[in-house]
Amino acid sequence: MVSETVSVSVPGSVELPGDLEVPAAPRGVVLFVHGSGSSRHSPRNRAVAEGLRQQGWGTLLIDLLTEEEDRKDEESGQHRFDIGLLAERTVAAVDWLGKHPATGSSPVHLFGASTGAAAALVAAADRPDRVVSVVSRGGRPDLAGEALGRIRMPVLLLVGGLDHEVLELNRQAARELPATHHLQIVPGATHLFEEPGMLEKVAEAAAEWFVTASEESSEGGRGGSPRA
């Protein structure tokens, strides 16, 4: 088993660099799907990943764009809203986790932020037998489009109480989700959850969601009625 952070290369249409860390006897592995203009070095996602690892979860943080694509994106923004491209690469990472010796037997959960949440949802819809649940932090699930109607695993939508526009977009997207879902508003948080203590709350909520989803999945109870 991997017990420290290991640099990996995730194959697909392109090679994507990533950081994998899996504790002994992991509860599961969480794949982080970052948002617009971000990378696997996102301090917010890394803070949440550390919180999850302390509770026994493995984590994989990857870049979704190559260095050249990232440079072009900084100039034009042409890739950050290409949900199809980001989802395709997220699917490749999900498939890779299923083959890796440290994670092949572990359930996979997705944690998406900003536009990465839409990519995570599309990937989950395309891999319903591999992805156990999805958590979105300040996400744009509305950008997942028709994939929302194909989601069969539990989805947690975490939105800052002060992130008014994104909150409304999440409410609209939630109405399209046929499976178990919960829209959780975090009072006092803005879009990036930069306020003191907010990322800790995100990590706690995500860990609780992943545990519950794993238990329901092992009992054959994936999906269900939406929750308020």
C-alpha atoms as a PDB file:
ATOM      1  CA  MET A   1       0.000   0.000   0.000  1.00  0.00           C
ATOM      2  CA  VAL A   2       1.068   3.578  -0.648  1.00  0.00           C
ATOM      3  CA  SER A   3       1.596   5.383   2.678  1.00  0.00           C
ATOM      4  CA  GLU A   4       3.074   8.684   1.482  1.00  0.00           C
ATOM      5  CA  THR A   5       2.447  11.073  -1.372  1.00  0.00           C
ATOM      6  CA  VAL A   6       3.626   9.561  -4.644  1.00  0.00           C
ATOM      7  CA  SER A   7       3.898  11.408  -7.944  1.00  0.00           C
ATOM      8  CA  VAL A   8       2.012   9.503 -10.624  1.00  0.00           C
ATOM      9  CA  SER A   9       1.187   9.847 -14.297  1.00  0.00           C
ATOM     10  CA  VAL A  10      -2.400   9.146 -15.299  1.00  0.00           C
ATOM     11  CA  PRO A  11      -2.704   7.887 -18.897  1.00  0.00           C
ATOM     12  CA  GLY A  12      -5.436   8.801 -21.342  1.00  0.00           C
ATOM     13  CA  SER A  13      -5.591  11.013 -24.413  1.00  0.00           C
ATOM     14  CA  VAL A  14      -2.704  12.824 -22.671  1.00  0.00           C
ATOM     15  CA  GLU A  15      -0.486  12.021 -19.692  1.00  0.00           C
ATOM     16  CA  LEU A  16      -1.680  13.856 -16.582  1.00  0.00           C
ATOM     17  CA  PRO A  17       0.561  14.379 -13.531  1.00  0.00           C
ATOM     18  CA  GLY A  18      -0.949  13.611 -10.157  1.00  0.00           C
ATOM     19  CA  ASP A  19      -0.278  13.164  -6.461  1.00  0.00           C
ATOM     20  CA  LEU A  20      -1.553   9.923  -4.915  1.00  0.00           C
ATOM     21  CA  GLU A  21      -1.617   9.120  -1.226  1.00  0.00           C
ATOM     22  CA  VAL A  22      -3.311   6.015   0.157  1.00  0.00           C
ATOM     23  CA  PRO A  23      -3.136   5.003   3.833  1.00  0.00           C
ATOM     24  CA  ALA A  24      -3.139   1.413   4.985  1.00  0.00           C
ATOM     25  CA  ALA A  25      -6.621  -0.129   4.757  1.00  0.00           C
ATOM     26  CA  PRO A  26      -8.243   2.967   3.196  1.00  0.00           C
ATOM     27  CA  ARG A  27     -11.960   3.597   3.510  1.00  0.00           C
ATOM     28  CA  GLY A  28     -11.904   4.464  -0.184  1.00  0.00           C
ATOM     29  CA  VAL A  29     -10.169   6.858  -2.529  1.00  0.00           C
ATOM     30  CA  VAL A  30     -11.267  10.405  -3.345  1.00  0.00           C
ATOM     31  CA  LEU A  31     -10.417  11.847  -6.757  1.00  0.00           C
ATOM     32  CA  PHE A  32     -10.239  15.651  -6.729  1.00  0.00           C
ATOM     33  CA  VAL A  33     -11.472  17.445  -9.845  1.00  0.00           C
ATOM     34  CA  HIS A  34     -10.359  21.062  -9.676  1.00  0.00           C
ATOM     35  CA  GLY A  35     -12.055  24.054 -11.214  1.00  0.00           C
ATOM     36  CA  SER A  36     -11.344  26.966 -13.505  1.00  0.00           C
ATOM     37  CA  GLY A  37      -7.745  28.115 -13.608  1.00  0.00           C
ATOM     38  CA  SER A  38      -6.660  25.738 -10.859  1.00  0.00           C
ATOM     39  CA  SER A  39      -4.478  22.621 -10.633  1.00  0.00           C
ATOM     40  CA  ARG A  40      -3.554  19.747  -8.360  1.00  0.00           C
ATOM     41  CA  HIS A  41      -1.640  22.317  -6.299  1.00  0.00           C
ATOM     42  CA  SER A  42      -4.848  24.132  -5.279  1.00  0.00           C
ATOM     43  CA  PRO A  43      -4.327  25.025  -1.593  1.00  0.00           C
ATOM     44  CA  ARG A  44      -8.053  24.648  -0.914  1.00  0.00           C
ATOM     45  CA  ASN A  45      -8.355  21.165  -2.383  1.00  0.00           C
ATOM     46  CA  ARG A  46      -5.102  20.125  -0.735  1.00  0.00           C
ATOM     47  CA  ALA A  47      -6.425  21.291   2.623  1.00  0.00           C
ATOM     48  CA  VAL A  48      -9.600  19.238   2.163  1.00  0.00           C
ATOM     49  CA  ALA A  49      -7.552  16.246   0.968  1.00  0.00           C
ATOM     50  CA  GLU A  50      -5.401  16.407   4.106  1.00  0.00           C
ATOM     51  CA  GLY A  51      -8.514  16.446   6.262  1.00  0.00           C
ATOM     52  CA  LEU A  52      -9.858  13.385   4.477  1.00  0.00           C
ATOM     53  CA  ARG A  53      -6.582  11.487   4.744  1.00  0.00           C
ATOM     54  CA  GLN A  54      -6.588  12.063   8.507  1.00  0.00           C
ATOM     55  CA  GLN A  55      -9.867  10.146   8.540  1.00  0.00           C
ATOM     56  CA  GLY A  56      -8.522   7.215   6.545  1.00  0.00           C
ATOM     57  CA  TRP A  57      -9.286   8.179   2.957  1.00  0.00           C
ATOM     58  CA  GLY A  58      -6.894   7.879   0.058  1.00  0.00           C
ATOM     59  CA  THR A  59      -6.662  10.872  -2.258  1.00  0.00           C
ATOM     60  CA  LEU A  60      -5.660  11.563  -5.833  1.00  0.00           C
ATOM     61  CA  LEU A  61      -5.153  15.120  -7.032  1.00  0.00           C
ATOM     62  CA  ILE A  62      -4.408  15.522 -10.737  1.00  0.00           C
ATOM     63  CA  ASP A  63      -3.927  18.245 -13.293  1.00  0.00           C
ATOM     64  CA  LEU A  64      -6.650  18.161 -15.937  1.00  0.00           C
ATOM     65  CA  LEU A  65      -4.676  20.160 -18.505  1.00  0.00           C
ATOM     66  CA  THR A  66      -1.170  19.735 -19.888  1.00  0.00           C
ATOM     67  CA  GLU A  67       1.340  22.527 -19.289  1.00  0.00           C
ATOM     68  CA  GLU A  68       0.832  23.799 -22.837  1.00  0.00           C
ATOM     69  CA  GLU A  69      -2.959  23.685 -22.509  1.00  0.00           C
ATOM     70  CA  ASP A  70      -2.722  25.462 -19.180  1.00  0.00           C
ATOM     71  CA  ARG A  71      -0.635  28.264 -20.706  1.00  0.00           C
ATOM     72  CA  LYS A  72      -3.156  28.713 -23.501  1.00  0.00           C
ATOM     73  CA  ASP A  73      -6.003  28.606 -21.015  1.00  0.00           C
ATOM     74  CA  GLU A  74      -4.440  31.410 -18.971  1.00  0.00           C
ATOM     75  CA  GLU A  75      -4.453  33.565 -22.102  1.00  0.00           C
ATOM     76  CA  SER A  76      -7.810  32.633 -23.598  1.00  0.00           C
ATOM     77  CA  GLY A  77      -9.775  30.611 -21.025  1.00  0.00           C
ATOM     78  CA  GLN A  78     -10.617  28.175 -23.825  1.00  0.00           C
ATOM     79  CA  HIS A  79     -10.324  24.975 -21.787  1.00  0.00           C
ATOM     80  CA  ARG A  80     -11.656  25.831 -18.342  1.00  0.00           C
ATOM     81  CA  PHE A  81     -15.279  25.627 -19.463  1.00  0.00           C
ATOM     82  CA  ASP A  82     -14.737  22.662 -21.801  1.00  0.00           C
ATOM     83  CA  ILE A  83     -16.648  20.293 -19.536  1.00  0.00           C
ATOM     84  CA  GLY A  84     -16.527  17.479 -22.076  1.00  0.00           C
ATOM     85  CA  LEU A  85     -12.724  17.548 -22.154  1.00  0.00           C
ATOM     86  CA  LEU A  86     -12.392  17.793 -18.377  1.00  0.00           C
ATOM     87  CA  ALA A  87     -14.909  14.983 -17.863  1.00  0.00           C
ATOM     88  CA  GLU A  88     -13.114  12.730 -20.341  1.00  0.00           C
ATOM     89  CA  ARG A  89      -9.902  13.120 -18.392  1.00  0.00           C
ATOM     90  CA  THR A  90     -11.695  12.576 -15.101  1.00  0.00           C
ATOM     91  CA  VAL A  91     -13.069   9.302 -16.475  1.00  0.00           C
ATOM     92  CA  ALA A  92      -9.533   8.290 -17.458  1.00  0.00           C
ATOM     93  CA  ALA A  93      -8.423   8.901 -13.871  1.00  0.00           C
ATOM     94  CA  VAL A  94     -11.333   6.860 -12.495  1.00  0.00           C
ATOM     95  CA  ASP A  95     -10.400   3.986 -14.802  1.00  0.00           C
ATOM     96  CA  TRP A  96      -6.731   4.282 -13.812  1.00  0.00           C
ATOM     97  CA  LEU A  97      -7.619   4.069 -10.119  1.00  0.00           C
ATOM     98  CA  GLY A  98      -9.446   0.834 -10.846  1.00  0.00           C
ATOM     99  CA  LYS A  99      -6.233  -0.692 -12.200  1.00  0.00           C
ATOM    100  CA  HIS A 100      -3.705   0.680  -9.726  1.00  0.00           C
ATOM    101  CA  PRO A 101      -2.594  -1.903  -7.135  1.00  0.00           C
ATOM    102  CA  ALA A 102      -3.065   0.527  -4.222  1.00  0.00           C
ATOM    103  CA  THR A 103      -6.602   1.568  -5.204  1.00  0.00           C
ATOM    104  CA  GLY A 104      -8.037  -1.121  -7.460  1.00  0.00           C
ATOM    105  CA  SER A 105     -10.209  -2.604  -4.715  1.00  0.00           C
ATOM    106  CA  SER A 106     -11.228   0.735  -3.180  1.00  0.00           C
ATOM    107  CA  PRO A 107     -14.518   2.514  -3.855  1.00  0.00           C
ATOM    108  CA  VAL A 108     -14.043   5.793  -5.736  1.00  0.00           C
ATOM    109  CA  HIS A 109     -15.629   9.087  -4.703  1.00  0.00           C
ATOM    110  CA  LEU A 110     -15.335  12.355  -6.627  1.00  0.00           C
ATOM    111  CA  PHE A 111     -14.773  15.792  -5.100  1.00  0.00           C
ATOM    112  CA  GLY A 112     -15.306  18.607  -7.600  1.00  0.00           C
ATOM    113  CA  ALA A 113     -14.836  22.351  -7.206  1.00  0.00           C
ATOM    114  CA  SER A 114     -16.160  25.159  -9.418  1.00  0.00           C
ATOM    115  CA  THR A 115     -16.336  23.935 -13.046  1.00  0.00           C
ATOM    116  CA  GLY A 116     -14.618  20.737 -11.923  1.00  0.00           C
ATOM    117  CA  ALA A 117     -17.855  19.770 -10.173  1.00  0.00           C
ATOM    118  CA  ALA A 118     -19.594  19.621 -13.554  1.00  0.00           C
ATOM    119  CA  ALA A 119     -16.804  17.444 -14.956  1.00  0.00           C
ATOM    120  CA  ALA A 120     -17.061  15.176 -11.904  1.00  0.00           C
ATOM    121  CA  LEU A 121     -20.809  14.762 -12.378  1.00  0.00           C
ATOM    122  CA  VAL A 122     -20.458  13.936 -16.077  1.00  0.00           C
ATOM    123  CA  ALA A 123     -17.738  11.399 -15.263  1.00  0.00           C
ATOM    124  CA  ALA A 124     -19.905   9.880 -12.522  1.00  0.00           C
ATOM    125  CA  ALA A 125     -22.787   9.517 -14.961  1.00  0.00           C
ATOM    126  CA  ASP A 126     -20.432   7.733 -17.365  1.00  0.00           C
ATOM    127  CA  ARG A 127     -18.983   5.428 -14.679  1.00  0.00           C
ATOM    128  CA  PRO A 128     -21.945   4.532 -12.437  1.00  0.00           C
ATOM    129  CA  ASP A 129     -20.410   1.173 -11.507  1.00  0.00           C
ATOM    130  CA  ARG A 130     -17.144   2.735 -10.302  1.00  0.00           C
ATOM    131  CA  VAL A 131     -18.120   6.046  -8.699  1.00  0.00           C
ATOM    132  CA  VAL A 132     -19.890   5.710  -5.354  1.00  0.00           C
ATOM    133  CA  SER A 133     -20.676   9.368  -4.652  1.00  0.00           C
ATOM    134  CA  VAL A 134     -19.908  12.965  -5.611  1.00  0.00           C
ATOM    135  CA  VAL A 135     -19.285  16.064  -3.506  1.00  0.00           C
ATOM    136  CA  SER A 136     -19.307  19.537  -5.051  1.00  0.00           C
ATOM    137  CA  ARG A 137     -17.665  22.530  -3.314  1.00  0.00           C
ATOM    138  CA  GLY A 138     -18.773  25.882  -4.667  1.00  0.00           C
ATOM    139  CA  GLY A 139     -19.462  24.007  -7.873  1.00  0.00           C
ATOM    140  CA  ARG A 140     -21.225  24.629 -11.136  1.00  0.00           C
ATOM    141  CA  PRO A 141     -23.331  21.460 -11.439  1.00  0.00           C
ATOM    142  CA  ASP A 142     -25.571  23.293 -13.899  1.00  0.00           C
ATOM    143  CA  LEU A 143     -22.780  22.971 -16.476  1.00  0.00           C
ATOM    144  CA  ALA A 144     -23.135  19.169 -16.403  1.00  0.00           C
ATOM    145  CA  GLY A 145     -26.226  19.505 -18.607  1.00  0.00           C
ATOM    146  CA  GLU A 146     -28.090  16.328 -19.491  1.00  0.00           C
ATOM    147  CA  ALA A 147     -25.701  14.221 -17.404  1.00  0.00           C
ATOM    148  CA  LEU A 148     -27.540  15.401 -14.288  1.00  0.00           C
ATOM    149  CA  GLY A 149     -30.491  13.233 -15.266  1.00  0.00           C
ATOM    150  CA  ARG A 150     -28.226  10.172 -15.488  1.00  0.00           C
ATOM    151  CA  ILE A 151     -26.720  10.427 -12.017  1.00  0.00           C
ATOM    152  CA  ARG A 152     -27.397   7.289  -9.948  1.00  0.00           C
ATOM    153  CA  MET A 153     -25.170   7.902  -6.924  1.00  0.00           C
ATOM    154  CA  PRO A 154     -25.587  10.291  -3.959  1.00  0.00           C
ATOM    155  CA  VAL A 155     -24.515  13.893  -4.585  1.00  0.00           C
ATOM    156  CA  LEU A 156     -23.692  16.519  -1.942  1.00  0.00           C
ATOM    157  CA  LEU A 157     -23.739  20.145  -3.079  1.00  0.00           C
ATOM    158  CA  LEU A 158     -21.800  22.402  -0.693  1.00  0.00           C
ATOM    159  CA  VAL A 159     -22.311  26.124  -1.312  1.00  0.00           C
ATOM    160  CA  GLY A 160     -21.249  29.162   0.666  1.00  0.00           C
ATOM    161  CA  GLY A 161     -24.120  31.117   2.145  1.00  0.00           C
ATOM    162  CA  LEU A 162     -22.632  34.332   0.731  1.00  0.00           C
ATOM    163  CA  ASP A 163     -22.139  32.863  -2.756  1.00  0.00           C
ATOM    164  CA  HIS A 164     -25.596  33.955  -3.898  1.00  0.00           C
ATOM    165  CA  GLU A 165     -25.344  33.440  -7.674  1.00  0.00           C
ATOM    166  CA  VAL A 166     -23.770  30.000  -7.426  1.00  0.00           C
ATOM    167  CA  LEU A 167     -26.270  29.027  -4.740  1.00  0.00           C
ATOM    168  CA  GLU A 168     -29.155  29.701  -7.108  1.00  0.00           C
ATOM    169  CA  LEU A 169     -27.435  27.720  -9.884  1.00  0.00           C
ATOM    170  CA  ASN A 170     -27.034  24.806  -7.471  1.00  0.00           C
ATOM    171  CA  ARG A 171     -30.693  24.954  -6.530  1.00  0.00           C
ATOM    172  CA  GLN A 172     -31.634  24.751 -10.189  1.00  0.00           C
ATOM    173  CA  ALA A 173     -29.273  21.832 -10.825  1.00  0.00           C
ATOM    174  CA  ALA A 174     -30.494  19.965  -7.741  1.00  0.00           C
ATOM    175  CA  ARG A 175     -33.975  19.835  -9.215  1.00  0.00           C
ATOM    176  CA  GLU A 176     -32.540  17.833 -12.118  1.00  0.00           C
ATOM    177  CA  LEU A 177     -30.875  15.170  -9.973  1.00  0.00           C
ATOM    178  CA  PRO A 178     -32.916  11.935  -9.829  1.00  0.00           C
ATOM    179  CA  ALA A 179     -30.771  10.236  -7.165  1.00  0.00           C
ATOM    180  CA  THR A 180     -30.181  10.988  -3.486  1.00  0.00           C
ATOM    181  CA  HIS A 181     -28.840  14.507  -3.104  1.00  0.00           C
ATOM    182  CA  HIS A 182     -28.481  17.244  -0.527  1.00  0.00           C
ATOM    183  CA  LEU A 183     -27.830  20.957  -0.951  1.00  0.00           C
ATOM    184  CA  GLN A 184     -25.897  22.104   2.119  1.00  0.00           C
ATOM    185  CA  ILE A 185     -25.424  25.830   2.643  1.00  0.00           C
ATOM    186  CA  VAL A 186     -22.361  26.786   4.681  1.00  0.00           C
ATOM    187  CA  PRO A 187     -23.220  30.015   6.547  1.00  0.00           C
ATOM    188  CA  GLY A 188     -20.664  32.804   6.259  1.00  0.00           C
ATOM    189  CA  ALA A 189     -18.700  31.207   3.418  1.00  0.00           C
ATOM    190  CA  THR A 190     -17.974  32.886   0.096  1.00  0.00           C
ATOM    191  CA  HIS A 191     -17.279  31.143  -3.210  1.00  0.00           C
ATOM    192  CA  LEU A 192     -13.735  29.980  -2.385  1.00  0.00           C
ATOM    193  CA  PHE A 193     -14.443  29.100   1.273  1.00  0.00           C
ATOM    194  CA  GLU A 194     -11.446  31.214   2.253  1.00  0.00           C
ATOM    195  CA  GLU A 195     -12.860  32.268   5.620  1.00  0.00           C
ATOM    196  CA  PRO A 196     -11.237  30.714   8.731  1.00  0.00           C
ATOM    197  CA  GLY A 197     -12.547  27.249   9.525  1.00  0.00           C
ATOM    198  CA  MET A 198     -14.653  26.880   6.378  1.00  0.00           C
ATOM    199  CA  LEU A 199     -12.484  24.296   4.624  1.00  0.00           C
ATOM    200  CA  GLU A 200     -12.486  22.198   7.799  1.00  0.00           C
ATOM    201  CA  LYS A 201     -16.278  22.217   7.648  1.00  0.00           C
ATOM    202  CA  VAL A 202     -16.102  21.156   3.996  1.00  0.00           C
ATOM    203  CA  ALA A 203     -13.780  18.255   4.811  1.00  0.00           C
ATOM    204  CA  GLU A 204     -16.030  17.102   7.658  1.00  0.00           C
ATOM    205  CA  ALA A 205     -19.171  17.247   5.526  1.00  0.00           C
ATOM    206  CA  ALA A 206     -17.477  15.455   2.640  1.00  0.00           C
ATOM    207  CA  ALA A 207     -16.108  12.685   4.855  1.00  0.00           C
ATOM    208  CA  GLU A 208     -19.523  12.106   6.413  1.00  0.00           C
ATOM    209  CA  TRP A 209     -21.112  11.960   2.943  1.00  0.00           C
ATOM    210  CA  PHE A 210     -18.523   9.516   1.641  1.00  0.00           C
ATOM    211  CA  VAL A 211     -18.966   7.212   4.640  1.00  0.00           C
ATOM    212  CA  THR A 212     -22.749   7.141   4.304  1.00  0.00           C
ATOM    213  CA  ALA A 213     -22.576   6.605   0.546  1.00  0.00           C
ATOM    214  CA  SER A 214     -20.085   3.757   0.962  1.00  0.00           C
ATOM    215  CA  GLU A 215     -22.321   2.053   3.503  1.00  0.00           C
ATOM    216  CA  GLU A 216     -25.369   2.379   1.247  1.00  0.00           C
ATOM    217  CA  SER A 217     -23.410   1.123  -1.742  1.00  0.00           C
ATOM    218  CA  SER A 218     -22.134  -1.942   0.124  1.00  0.00           C
ATOM    219  CA  GLU A 219     -25.722  -2.717   1.070  1.00  0.00           C
ATOM    220  CA  GLY A 220     -26.831  -2.394  -2.528  1.00  0.00           C
ATOM    221  CA  GLY A 221     -28.742   0.774  -1.748  1.00  0.00           C
ATOM    222  CA  ARG A 222     -27.081   3.240  -4.094  1.00  0.00           C
ATOM    223  CA  GLY A 223     -29.466   5.986  -5.195  1.00  0.00           C
ATOM    224  CA  GLY A 224     -32.829   6.716  -3.656  1.00  0.00           C
ATOM    225  CA  SER A 225     -35.163   9.576  -3.077  1.00  0.00           C
ATOM    226  CA  PRO A 226     -33.847  13.145  -3.036  1.00  0.00           C
ATOM    227  CA  ARG A 227     -33.366  14.752   0.348  1.00  0.00           C
ATOM    228  CA  ALA A 228     -34.189  18.362   1.155  1.00  0.00           C
END
